[in-house]
Each structure stands twice: as structure tokens, then as C-alpha cells.
């Protein structure tokens, strides 16, 4: 299967391919040249994915500002995790 150009991949496609690359590299049954090519593609995928996330965050900020909210609030993960005393 021919690989799409990196800039044409959706965010989800990028993550899926990055996951596949990591799995292939972790198995260790490919030669050095192929490993290096996969590693390089993985780094590029990672950078492009980060850029897409930053662009999405910027778009959300702009939309919130239009609605009168000044800034994003940090997500408090601990507020959604029950304490050990709450587990039954």
C-alpha cells in the first residue's frame, strides 16, 4: 500500500500510523536502514500531529473569545477521579 503524503493525513490517521511505527520499532525485527526511515517518519508525524493540536487549540481560543470567555481553563483530571475512600 502506498503511503499518503504526511501533510495529507488526518490527525487520526497520523496517530494510527505513529502507533504502527512504534510497534514495528519495538519488535526489533527490521534492519537498521528501515528502522531509521521509520524513526524519521515517526518524528515527522509527531511534529505534524503536535502542530494540528496547537492549531485546534488556537481555534478553540478564538471561538471562546468571540463568546466572551477570555481563556481556556486547565482540565482538572483529579476532579474526575474518585478518591480511594469513594470506591465501593
Protein backbone atom coordinates (compact mmCIF):
# COMPACT_ATOMS: atom_id res chain seq x y z
CA UNK A 1 0.00 0.00 0.00
CA UNK A 2 1.38 3.40 -0.97
CA UNK A 3 1.85 5.80 1.88
CA UNK A 4 -0.02 9.09 1.78
CA UNK A 5 1.94 12.29 1.98
CA UNK A 6 2.26 13.22 5.62
CA UNK A 7 0.58 16.60 5.21
CA UNK A 8 -2.48 14.86 3.68
CA UNK A 9 -3.07 12.59 6.68
CA UNK A 10 -5.82 13.39 9.14
CA UNK A 11 -4.87 13.69 12.80
CA UNK A 12 -6.34 10.25 13.48
CA UNK A 13 -4.51 8.68 10.53
CA UNK A 14 -1.27 10.22 11.78
CA UNK A 15 -1.76 8.77 15.25
CA UNK A 16 -2.62 5.34 13.85
CA UNK A 17 0.46 5.32 11.65
CA UNK A 18 2.62 6.55 14.51
CA UNK A 19 1.31 3.72 16.68
CA UNK A 20 2.15 1.21 13.93
CA UNK A 21 5.66 2.66 13.60
CA UNK A 22 6.25 2.37 17.35
CA UNK A 23 5.07 -1.25 17.34
CA UNK A 24 7.36 -2.10 14.41
CA UNK A 25 10.34 -0.44 16.06
CA UNK A 26 9.66 -2.15 19.40
CA UNK A 27 9.57 -5.59 17.74
CA UNK A 28 13.13 -5.05 16.56
CA UNK A 29 12.95 -7.44 13.60
CA UNK A 30 13.65 -4.85 10.88
CA UNK A 31 17.04 -3.79 9.56
CA UNK A 32 18.81 -0.62 10.60
CA UNK A 33 18.05 1.35 7.44
CA UNK A 34 14.33 0.62 7.65
CA UNK A 35 14.37 1.39 11.38
CA UNK A 36 15.95 4.76 10.73
CA UNK A 37 13.46 5.56 7.96
CA UNK A 38 10.55 4.61 10.23
CA UNK A 39 12.01 6.62 13.10
CA UNK A 40 12.37 9.68 10.87
CA UNK A 41 8.80 9.33 9.58
CA UNK A 42 7.60 8.90 13.16
CA UNK A 43 9.32 12.09 14.27
CA UNK A 44 7.76 13.99 11.39
CA UNK A 45 4.33 12.52 12.16
CA UNK A 46 4.73 13.53 15.79
CA UNK A 47 5.64 17.13 14.87
CA UNK A 48 2.76 17.42 12.39
CA UNK A 49 0.30 16.00 14.93
CA UNK A 50 1.50 18.46 17.56
CA UNK A 51 1.04 21.31 15.08
CA UNK A 52 -2.51 20.15 14.33
CA UNK A 53 -3.29 20.05 18.05
CA UNK A 54 -1.90 23.54 18.54
CA UNK A 55 -3.96 24.83 15.61
CA UNK A 56 -7.10 23.25 17.06
CA UNK A 57 -6.39 24.79 20.47
CA UNK A 58 -5.89 28.20 18.86
CA UNK A 59 -9.19 27.84 17.02
CA UNK A 60 -10.98 26.97 20.27
CA UNK A 61 -9.43 30.02 21.96
CA UNK A 62 -10.63 32.26 19.16
CA UNK A 63 -14.13 30.81 19.35
CA UNK A 64 -14.22 31.25 23.14
CA UNK A 65 -13.08 34.86 22.85
CA UNK A 66 -15.90 35.52 20.40
CA UNK A 67 -18.30 34.18 23.05
CA UNK A 68 -16.84 36.45 25.74
CA UNK A 69 -14.78 33.88 27.63
CA UNK A 70 -11.23 35.18 27.94
CA UNK A 71 -9.17 32.00 28.24
CA UNK A 72 -9.20 28.24 28.39
CA UNK A 73 -9.32 26.63 31.79
CA UNK A 74 -6.91 23.82 32.61
CA UNK A 75 -8.62 20.45 32.80
CA UNK A 76 -8.53 19.12 36.36
CA UNK A 77 -8.21 15.36 35.95
CA UNK A 78 -8.21 14.79 39.70
CA UNK A 79 -11.74 16.20 39.93
CA UNK A 80 -12.97 13.27 37.82
CA UNK A 81 -11.13 10.53 39.71
CA UNK A 82 -12.85 9.24 42.84
CA UNK A 83 -10.68 9.11 45.96
CA UNK A 84 -9.90 5.71 47.42
CA UNK A 85 -12.50 6.31 50.13
CA UNK A 86 -15.18 6.80 47.46
CA UNK A 87 -14.60 3.39 45.89
CA UNK A 88 -17.03 0.72 46.98
